Amino acid sequence: MLFEDLSLSKSIQRAVFEEGYLNPTPIQEKSIPVVLEGRDLIGCAQTGTGKTAAFAIPIIHQLHRIVGSSKKAKQIRALVVTPTRELAVQIGQSFDTYAKYTNLTQLTIFGGVSQNPQVDALKNGIDILVATPGRLLDLHKQGFLDLNHLHTLVLDEADQMLDMGFINDVKKIVKLTPKNRQTLLFSATMPIAIRELAEMFLQDPEKVEVSPVSSTAEKVEQRVYFVDKTEKRNLLYSLIKEENLSNVLVFSRTKHGADNVVKALRKKDIPAEAIHGDKSQNARQRVLDAFKNKEVGVLVATDIAARGIDIEQLPYVINFDLPNIPETYVHRIGRTGRAGNGGIAISFCGKDELPYWKDIQKLIKVDVKTISDHPYQWHSGSPEAGEKPKNSNRSGGAHKSRKSNSSKKNKKRWY
């Protein structure tokens, strides 16, 4: 199929063609016709498969027909809610690109910066709003937002919004929109909790899934190192130095941990930067630009900040800390192997993280290569060395990490 077969306006076809798009990706091919029909939709596809265009292009087509060349005051007719500032900026740029030959205008709003320019733009009138939940609700409370004319609501990266505790904010936002709206829910993973959320907000939605929920990118080579917790930094430095790795995205569980990894690498003359929620928007953007321009070889990020990182040729992802939610692993390693390129995903598994690794393996059902020829293994031996850690299965053992229990309680409370 070609984009010209999707019955899109000539203005959009022109913009898409200039971007080099000839054939829609599977998620686009399946989603765009559904959105054009005005139906609610649940879209699930691996990161890097074109989800943003799958909703942005048909929304622009619909609004272009509705608004046309009207000189009436602009009203917010499409709202995209997304969890992070970086992702909001990325989506806003996509709308600008696809709508450049229309008279539609979009605004991206998020916290961490002055609201004054955002308020001024809202007063002038816009057609499309891309927003993070906190700033959206704040400006609505101040009376600067009117969502009564909304045509389409998009909940993007829904799984991450749940993980970040935005469920109550999302519910508040939905209540501010007309009941006859079109609702689109897109997510890189589709756990049961997301399906339950969809039942609350969507009306008879079409379900589009172009890859299994638990699948990891086929072109990503996965490796795991069973490493003593205190030796993770040494192992990271060793890999970067001995294998001459560059353009490496490293995942840390906490902001403090990310900063400490960066400090350790810098002491060994490895150019590294951290990106997380404690840094200002401008600082995060500077770091991200430096990484994209290959001025910085290693970027250490938390999951929250990493959702907006979109780099087509990212060769390496390293899980310095394993996530306690298996689906998060799928999303992390999906940062590499994008747009048909290959990639390598490396995971460090400490003894305390073995329950997380077992849960990840159950989900992805892939035989991940274990690298045992390294000097930083568990002091008492790795699982491959014959040790069988006691009570390592969260679902069966009596011993469970306090963090794991806390995460489960939070998930139950959010859902």
Protein backbone atom coordinates (compact mmCIF):
# COMPACT_ATOMS: atom_id res chain seq x y z
CA MET A 1 0.00 0.00 0.00
CA LEU A 2 1.07 3.58 -0.70
CA PHE A 3 0.17 6.69 1.31
CA GLU A 4 -1.69 7.96 -1.74
CA ASP A 5 -4.04 4.97 -1.39
CA LEU A 6 -5.26 6.21 2.02
CA SER A 7 -7.53 8.96 0.64
CA LEU A 8 -5.65 11.71 2.41
CA SER A 9 -5.84 15.36 1.39
CA LYS A 10 -3.30 16.57 -1.14
CA SER A 11 -1.80 18.94 1.43
CA ILE A 12 -0.97 16.05 3.75
CA GLN A 13 0.23 13.81 0.91
CA ARG A 14 2.62 16.54 -0.17
CA ALA A 15 4.06 16.92 3.35
CA VAL A 16 4.36 13.16 3.82
CA PHE A 17 6.04 12.74 0.43
CA GLU A 18 8.60 15.43 1.28
CA GLU A 19 9.46 13.47 4.42
CA GLY A 20 10.28 10.49 2.23
CA TYR A 21 7.23 8.44 3.23
CA LEU A 22 5.99 6.21 0.45
CA ASN A 23 4.53 3.18 2.20
CA PRO A 24 2.74 3.40 5.56
CA THR A 25 4.10 1.19 8.33
CA PRO A 26 1.81 -1.64 9.54
CA ILE A 27 0.46 0.38 12.48
CA GLN A 28 -0.22 3.31 10.14
CA GLU A 29 -1.84 1.17 7.46
CA LYS A 30 -4.21 -0.39 9.98
CA SER A 31 -4.91 2.68 12.14
CA ILE A 32 -5.33 5.57 9.70
CA PRO A 33 -8.49 4.21 8.00
CA VAL A 34 -10.08 3.51 11.41
CA VAL A 35 -9.33 7.03 12.66
CA LEU A 36 -10.64 8.54 9.42
CA GLU A 37 -13.92 6.67 9.99
CA GLY A 38 -14.25 8.44 13.33
CA ARG A 39 -14.05 5.27 15.41
CA ASP A 40 -12.32 4.87 18.77
CA LEU A 41 -9.10 2.89 18.56
CA ILE A 42 -6.61 0.98 20.70
CA GLY A 43 -3.24 0.84 18.96
CA CYS A 44 -0.34 -1.30 20.10
CA ALA A 45 2.99 -1.50 18.31
CA GLN A 46 6.66 -1.62 19.18
CA THR A 47 8.39 1.71 19.62
CA GLY A 48 9.87 3.08 16.41
CA THR A 49 7.09 1.72 14.20
CA GLY A 50 5.41 5.06 13.49
CA LYS A 51 2.63 5.35 16.09
CA THR A 52 2.75 9.16 16.13
CA ALA A 53 2.06 9.42 12.40
CA ALA A 54 -0.65 6.77 12.79
CA PHE A 55 -2.77 9.25 14.76
CA ALA A 56 -1.35 12.63 13.72
CA ILE A 57 -1.91 12.23 9.98
CA PRO A 58 -5.62 11.27 10.11
CA ILE A 59 -6.32 13.90 12.80
CA ILE A 60 -4.82 16.59 10.57
CA HIS A 61 -6.90 15.30 7.63
CA GLN A 62 -10.11 15.47 9.67
CA LEU A 63 -9.44 18.90 11.14
CA HIS A 64 -8.35 20.33 7.80
CA ARG A 65 -11.75 19.38 6.41
CA ILE A 66 -13.60 20.79 9.43
CA VAL A 67 -11.68 24.03 9.79
CA GLY A 68 -10.86 24.57 6.11
CA SER A 69 -9.99 28.17 5.37
CA SER A 70 -12.27 29.49 8.09
CA LYS A 71 -11.23 32.79 9.61
CA LYS A 72 -13.24 32.18 12.78
CA ALA A 73 -11.41 32.07 16.11
CA LYS A 74 -9.52 28.83 16.49
CA GLN A 75 -10.67 26.30 19.10
CA ILE A 76 -8.93 23.23 20.49
CA ARG A 77 -10.30 20.33 18.46
CA ALA A 78 -7.59 17.71 19.06
CA LEU A 79 -5.78 16.96 22.33
CA VAL A 80 -2.82 14.61 22.70
CA VAL A 81 -1.89 13.73 26.27
CA THR A 82 1.56 12.21 26.76
CA PRO A 83 3.65 11.52 29.88
CA THR A 84 6.94 13.36 29.29
CA ARG A 85 8.15 16.72 28.09
CA GLU A 86 10.51 15.22 25.53
CA LEU A 87 7.79 13.11 23.99
CA ALA A 88 5.40 16.07 23.91
CA VAL A 89 7.96 18.12 21.99
CA GLN A 90 8.55 15.24 19.58
CA ILE A 91 4.82 14.80 18.88
CA GLY A 92 4.34 18.54 18.44
CA GLN A 93 7.11 18.63 15.86
CA SER A 94 5.45 15.77 13.97
CA PHE A 95 2.15 17.66 13.83
CA ASP A 96 3.97 20.73 12.54
CA THR A 97 5.65 18.66 9.84
CA TYR A 98 2.54 16.86 8.58
CA ALA A 99 0.33 19.97 8.78
CA LYS A 100 2.73 22.49 7.22
CA TYR A 101 0.59 22.88 4.09
CA THR A 102 -2.62 23.39 6.03
CA ASN A 103 -3.77 26.35 8.10
CA LEU A 104 -3.84 24.27 11.28
CA THR A 105 -1.84 25.38 14.30
CA GLN A 106 -0.57 23.29 17.20
CA LEU A 107 0.79 24.13 20.63
CA THR A 108 2.90 21.96 22.91
CA ILE A 109 2.66 22.63 26.64
CA PHE A 110 4.52 21.09 29.59
CA GLY A 111 5.76 22.02 33.03
CA GLY A 112 9.22 23.10 34.11
CA VAL A 113 9.12 26.29 32.01
CA SER A 114 7.27 29.60 32.20
CA GLN A 115 3.60 29.30 31.33
CA ASN A 116 3.35 32.82 29.91
CA PRO A 117 4.24 32.01 26.27
CA GLN A 118 1.91 29.00 26.44
CA VAL A 119 -0.93 31.14 27.77
CA ASP A 120 -0.36 33.77 25.06
CA ALA A 121 -0.57 31.09 22.36
CA LEU A 122 -3.77 29.68 23.86
CA LYS A 123 -5.33 33.14 23.86
CA ASN A 124 -4.50 33.54 20.17
CA GLY A 125 -6.28 30.26 19.44
CA ILE A 126 -4.98 26.84 18.36
CA ASP A 127 -6.40 23.73 16.67
CA ILE A 128 -4.22 21.00 18.18
CA LEU A 129 -2.86 20.80 21.72
CA VAL A 130 -0.11 18.41 22.84
CA ALA A 131 0.29 18.36 26.60
CA THR A 132 1.65 16.65 29.67
CA PRO A 133 -1.04 16.00 32.30
CA GLY A 134 0.19 18.34 35.05
CA ARG A 135 0.52 21.52 32.98
CA LEU A 136 -2.74 20.77 31.14
CA LEU A 137 -4.76 20.55 34.35
CA ASP A 138 -2.98 23.56 35.83
CA LEU A 139 -3.80 25.84 32.88
CA HIS A 140 -7.38 24.55 32.77
CA LYS A 141 -7.80 25.33 36.46
CA GLN A 142 -6.62 28.89 35.76
CA GLY A 143 -9.25 29.22 33.03
CA PHE A 144 -6.93 29.31 30.04
CA LEU A 145 -8.15 26.06 28.42
CA ASP A 146 -11.49 25.26 26.83
CA LEU A 147 -11.95 21.65 25.74
CA ASN A 148 -15.67 21.86 25.01
CA HIS A 149 -15.11 21.80 21.24
CA LEU A 150 -12.77 18.81 21.28
CA HIS A 151 -13.17 16.36 18.41
CA THR A 152 -10.40 13.85 19.17
CA LEU A 153 -8.58 12.85 22.36
CA VAL A 154 -5.34 10.86 22.13
CA LEU A 155 -3.82 9.08 25.13
CA ASP A 156 -0.28 8.34 24.00
CA GLU A 157 2.18 6.01 25.79
CA ALA A 158 -0.67 4.92 28.03
CA ASP A 159 1.38 2.24 29.77
CA GLN A 160 3.98 4.77 30.86
CA MET A 161 1.32 7.18 32.11
CA LEU A 162 0.03 4.41 34.34
CA ASP A 163 3.53 3.53 35.53
CA MET A 164 4.16 7.17 36.39
CA GLY A 165 0.97 7.44 38.44
CA PHE A 166 -0.93 9.72 36.06
CA ILE A 167 -4.12 7.64 36.11
CA ASN A 168 -6.05 10.11 38.30
CA ASP A 169 -4.93 13.04 36.14
CA VAL A 170 -6.01 11.17 33.01
CA LYS A 171 -9.45 10.55 34.51
CA LYS A 172 -9.79 14.26 35.32
CA ILE A 173 -8.78 15.23 31.79
CA VAL A 174 -11.27 12.83 30.21
CA LYS A 175 -14.08 14.38 32.29
CA LEU A 176 -13.21 17.79 30.84
CA THR A 177 -13.88 16.60 27.27
CA PRO A 178 -17.20 16.12 25.41
CA LYS A 179 -18.76 12.66 25.69
CA ASN A 180 -19.16 12.38 21.94
CA ARG A 181 -15.42 12.76 21.32
CA GLN A 182 -13.30 10.26 19.39
CA THR A 183 -10.75 8.61 21.68
CA LEU A 184 -7.50 6.99 20.56
CA LEU A 185 -5.26 5.06 22.93
CA PHE A 186 -1.75 4.19 21.80
CA SER A 187 0.84 2.24 23.73
CA ALA A 188 4.10 0.39 23.15
CA THR A 189 2.94 -2.44 25.42
CA MET A 190 -0.57 -3.57 26.22
CA PRO A 191 -0.79 -5.22 29.66
CA ILE A 192 -4.17 -6.15 31.09
CA ALA A 193 -4.37 -2.92 33.09
CA ILE A 194 -4.29 -0.85 29.90
CA ARG A 195 -7.14 -2.88 28.44
CA GLU A 196 -9.16 -2.24 31.58
CA LEU A 197 -8.44 1.48 31.24
CA ALA A 198 -9.59 1.40 27.62
CA GLU A 199 -12.91 -0.08 28.68
CA MET A 200 -13.46 2.95 30.91
CA PHE A 201 -12.74 5.61 28.30
CA LEU A 202 -13.38 4.17 24.83
CA GLN A 203 -16.61 3.25 23.03
CA ASP A 204 -16.54 0.00 21.04
CA PRO A 205 -12.92 0.55 19.99
CA GLU A 206 -11.19 -1.10 17.07
CA LYS A 207 -8.10 -2.97 18.29
CA VAL A 208 -4.95 -2.73 16.20
CA GLU A 209 -1.88 -4.70 17.21
CA VAL A 210 0.96 -5.22 14.77
CA SER A 211 3.25 -7.21 17.04
CA PRO A 212 2.72 -9.38 20.13
CA VAL A 213 2.45 -7.50 23.41
CA SER A 214 5.49 -9.27 24.83
CA SER A 215 7.68 -9.21 21.73
CA THR A 216 11.06 -7.52 21.57
CA ALA A 217 12.49 -6.11 18.36
CA GLU A 218 13.63 -8.97 16.13
CA LYS A 219 16.84 -7.25 15.05
CA VAL A 220 17.98 -6.55 18.61
CA GLU A 221 20.66 -8.89 19.92
CA GLN A 222 20.09 -9.41 23.65
CA ARG A 223 22.76 -10.26 26.23
CA VAL A 224 22.72 -10.60 30.01
CA TYR A 225 25.57 -10.33 32.50
CA PHE A 226 25.05 -11.74 36.00
CA VAL A 227 27.12 -9.25 37.95
CA ASP A 228 27.80 -8.40 41.56
CA LYS A 229 25.83 -5.29 42.44
CA THR A 230 28.92 -3.42 43.64
CA GLU A 231 30.76 -4.15 40.38
CA LYS A 232 28.22 -2.82 37.90
CA ARG A 233 30.08 0.44 37.31
CA ASN A 234 33.34 -1.43 36.68
CA LEU A 235 31.58 -3.74 34.24
CA LEU A 236 30.01 -0.79 32.43
CA TYR A 237 33.37 0.97 32.09
CA SER A 238 35.04 -2.27 30.99
CA LEU A 239 32.47 -2.86 28.23
CA ILE A 240 32.60 0.71 26.95
CA LYS A 241 36.40 0.73 26.93
CA GLU A 242 37.22 -2.79 25.73
CA GLU A 243 34.50 -2.98 23.08
CA ASN A 244 34.89 0.67 22.10
CA LEU A 245 31.16 1.39 22.53
CA SER A 246 29.72 4.77 21.57
CA ASN A 247 26.20 6.14 21.30
CA VAL A 248 25.19 4.12 24.36
CA LEU A 249 21.89 4.66 26.16
CA VAL A 250 22.12 3.42 29.76
CA PHE A 251 19.03 2.92 31.91
CA SER A 252 19.13 3.62 35.63
CA ARG A 253 16.25 2.96 38.00
CA THR A 254 16.65 6.24 39.92
CA LYS A 255 17.71 9.83 39.27
CA HIS A 256 20.36 9.61 41.99
CA GLY A 257 21.68 6.41 40.47
CA ALA A 258 21.89 8.00 37.02
CA ASP A 259 23.95 10.90 38.38
CA ASN A 260 26.29 8.52 40.19
CA VAL A 261 26.89 6.45 37.05
CA VAL A 262 27.76 9.62 35.13
CA LYS A 263 30.19 10.72 37.86
CA ALA A 264 31.89 7.31 37.84
CA LEU A 265 32.30 7.35 34.05
CA ARG A 266 33.60 10.91 33.98
CA LYS A 267 36.27 10.00 36.56
CA LYS A 268 37.53 7.51 33.99
CA ASP A 269 37.40 10.11 31.20
CA ILE A 270 34.27 8.73 29.53
CA PRO A 271 32.08 11.62 28.26
CA ALA A 272 28.68 10.99 29.82
CA GLU A 273 25.53 12.95 30.70
CA ALA A 274 22.38 12.18 32.67
CA ILE A 275 18.80 12.98 31.76
CA HIS A 276 16.00 12.75 34.31
CA GLY A 277 13.09 14.60 35.88
CA ASP A 278 15.17 16.78 38.22
CA LYS A 279 16.84 18.57 35.33
CA SER A 280 15.21 21.59 33.71
CA GLN A 281 13.64 21.24 30.29
CA ASN A 282 16.38 23.33 28.69
CA ALA A 283 19.10 21.25 30.33
CA ARG A 284 17.46 18.01 29.22
CA GLN A 285 17.15 19.26 25.67
CA ARG A 286 20.80 20.36 25.58
CA VAL A 287 21.93 16.94 26.79
CA LEU A 288 19.69 15.14 24.32
CA ASP A 289 20.93 17.29 21.42
CA ALA A 290 24.54 16.65 22.43
CA PHE A 291 23.89 12.91 22.47
CA LYS A 292 22.15 12.95 19.09
CA ASN A 293 25.04 14.97 17.64
CA LYS A 294 27.50 12.41 19.10
CA GLU A 295 29.16 15.03 21.27
CA VAL A 296 28.44 12.79 24.26
CA GLY A 297 29.10 9.05 23.97
CA VAL A 298 27.01 7.81 26.89
CA LEU A 299 23.56 9.00 27.96
CA VAL A 300 22.29 7.72 31.32
CA ALA A 301 18.53 8.04 31.68
CA THR A 302 15.62 7.06 33.86
CA ASP A 303 12.57 5.46 32.25
CA ILE A 304 10.51 8.64 32.61
CA ALA A 305 12.99 10.77 30.69
CA ALA A 306 13.80 8.12 28.09
CA ARG A 307 10.27 7.94 26.65
CA GLY A 308 10.97 10.98 24.50
CA ILE A 309 14.28 9.75 23.12
CA ASP A 310 13.80 8.98 19.44
CA ILE A 311 17.07 8.19 17.69
CA GLU A 312 16.83 5.99 14.61
CA GLN A 313 20.40 4.71 14.68
CA LEU A 314 21.03 3.97 18.34
CA PRO A 315 23.31 0.90 18.44
CA TYR A 316 23.47 0.10 22.17
CA VAL A 317 21.10 0.01 25.11
CA ILE A 318 22.37 -1.09 28.52
CA ASN A 319 20.09 -1.91 31.43
CA PHE A 320 22.35 -0.88 34.30
CA ASP A 321 19.39 -1.59 36.59
CA LEU A 322 16.71 -4.06 35.59
CA PRO A 323 13.12 -2.77 35.65
CA ASN A 324 10.72 -4.41 38.09
CA ILE A 325 7.95 -4.31 35.47
CA PRO A 326 8.69 -6.73 32.60
CA GLU A 327 6.92 -4.65 29.93
CA THR A 328 9.30 -1.78 30.70
CA TYR A 329 12.17 -3.99 29.54
CA VAL A 330 10.44 -4.41 26.17
CA HIS A 331 10.14 -0.68 25.78
CA ARG A 332 13.72 0.01 26.90
CA ILE A 333 15.39 -2.28 24.41
CA GLY A 334 13.03 -0.99 21.73
CA ARG A 335 15.09 2.22 21.80
CA THR A 336 17.58 0.35 19.60
CA GLY A 337 16.93 -1.67 16.46
CA ARG A 338 14.64 1.04 15.09
CA ALA A 339 13.68 1.74 11.48
CA GLY A 340 15.06 -1.57 10.27
CA ASN A 341 18.47 -1.12 11.90
CA GLY A 342 20.13 -3.68 14.15
CA GLY A 343 21.06 -3.11 17.77
CA ILE A 344 22.46 -4.69 20.91
CA ALA A 345 20.68 -4.68 24.28
CA ILE A 346 22.81 -5.56 27.32
CA SER A 347 21.38 -6.20 30.79
CA PHE A 348 23.19 -6.25 34.13
CA CYS A 349 21.49 -8.58 36.61
CA GLY A 350 22.48 -8.38 40.26
CA LYS A 351 21.56 -11.18 42.64
CA ASP A 352 18.73 -9.05 44.07
CA GLU A 353 17.37 -8.52 40.54
CA LEU A 354 17.10 -12.18 39.57
CA PRO A 355 13.32 -12.22 40.26
CA TYR A 356 12.93 -9.33 37.80
CA TRP A 357 14.98 -11.15 35.16
CA LYS A 358 12.90 -14.31 35.53
CA ASP A 359 9.71 -12.29 35.03
CA ILE A 360 11.22 -10.61 31.96
CA GLN A 361 12.11 -14.00 30.48
CA LYS A 362 8.59 -15.28 31.07
CA LEU A 363 7.23 -12.30 29.17
CA ILE A 364 9.56 -12.12 26.17
CA LYS A 365 10.02 -15.90 25.73
CA VAL A 366 13.45 -15.35 24.17
CA ASP A 367 16.60 -17.29 24.95
CA VAL A 368 18.87 -14.39 25.89
CA LYS A 369 22.60 -15.02 25.57
CA THR A 370 24.38 -15.15 28.95
CA ILE A 371 27.88 -13.66 29.03
CA SER A 372 29.72 -15.45 31.85
CA ASP A 373 33.30 -14.75 30.79
CA HIS A 374 33.84 -11.61 32.86
CA PRO A 375 35.50 -10.87 36.22
CA TYR A 376 32.52 -9.19 37.93
CA GLN A 377 30.12 -12.09 38.55
CA TRP A 378 28.24 -12.65 41.79
CA HIS A 379 30.70 -13.49 44.54
CA SER A 380 28.99 -16.84 45.12
CA GLY A 381 28.65 -17.56 41.40
CA SER A 382 26.06 -16.74 38.74
CA PRO A 383 23.02 -18.95 38.04
CA GLU A 384 24.92 -20.29 35.03
CA ALA A 385 27.76 -21.28 37.38
CA GLY A 386 25.48 -23.71 39.15
CA GLU A 387 24.04 -21.64 41.99
CA LYS A 388 20.31 -21.77 42.52
CA PRO A 389 19.30 -18.64 44.46
CA LYS A 390 16.75 -19.30 47.15
CA ASN A 391 13.24 -17.92 46.81
CA SER A 392 14.11 -16.21 43.55
CA ASN A 393 10.60 -16.48 42.09
CA ARG A 394 8.34 -13.66 43.19
CA SER A 395 5.25 -15.72 42.55
CA GLY A 396 6.35 -18.71 44.58
CA GLY A 397 9.08 -17.84 47.07
CA ALA A 398 8.53 -16.64 50.61
CA HIS A 399 11.15 -13.92 50.30
CA LYS A 400 10.28 -10.92 48.15
CA SER A 401 12.07 -7.63 47.85
CA ARG A 402 10.38 -4.76 49.59
CA LYS A 403 10.58 -2.66 46.42
CA SER A 404 8.84 -5.34 44.40
CA ASN A 405 5.96 -5.51 46.89
CA SER A 406 5.66 -1.76 46.95
CA SER A 407 5.47 -1.58 43.17
CA LYS A 408 2.72 -4.18 43.06
CA LYS A 409 0.70 -2.37 45.70
CA ASN A 410 1.00 0.87 43.78
CA LYS A 411 -0.09 -0.78 40.57
CA LYS A 412 -3.17 -2.21 42.24
CA ARG A 413 -4.01 1.15 43.71
CA TRP A 414 -3.61 2.95 40.34
CA TYR A 415 -5.70 0.41 38.46
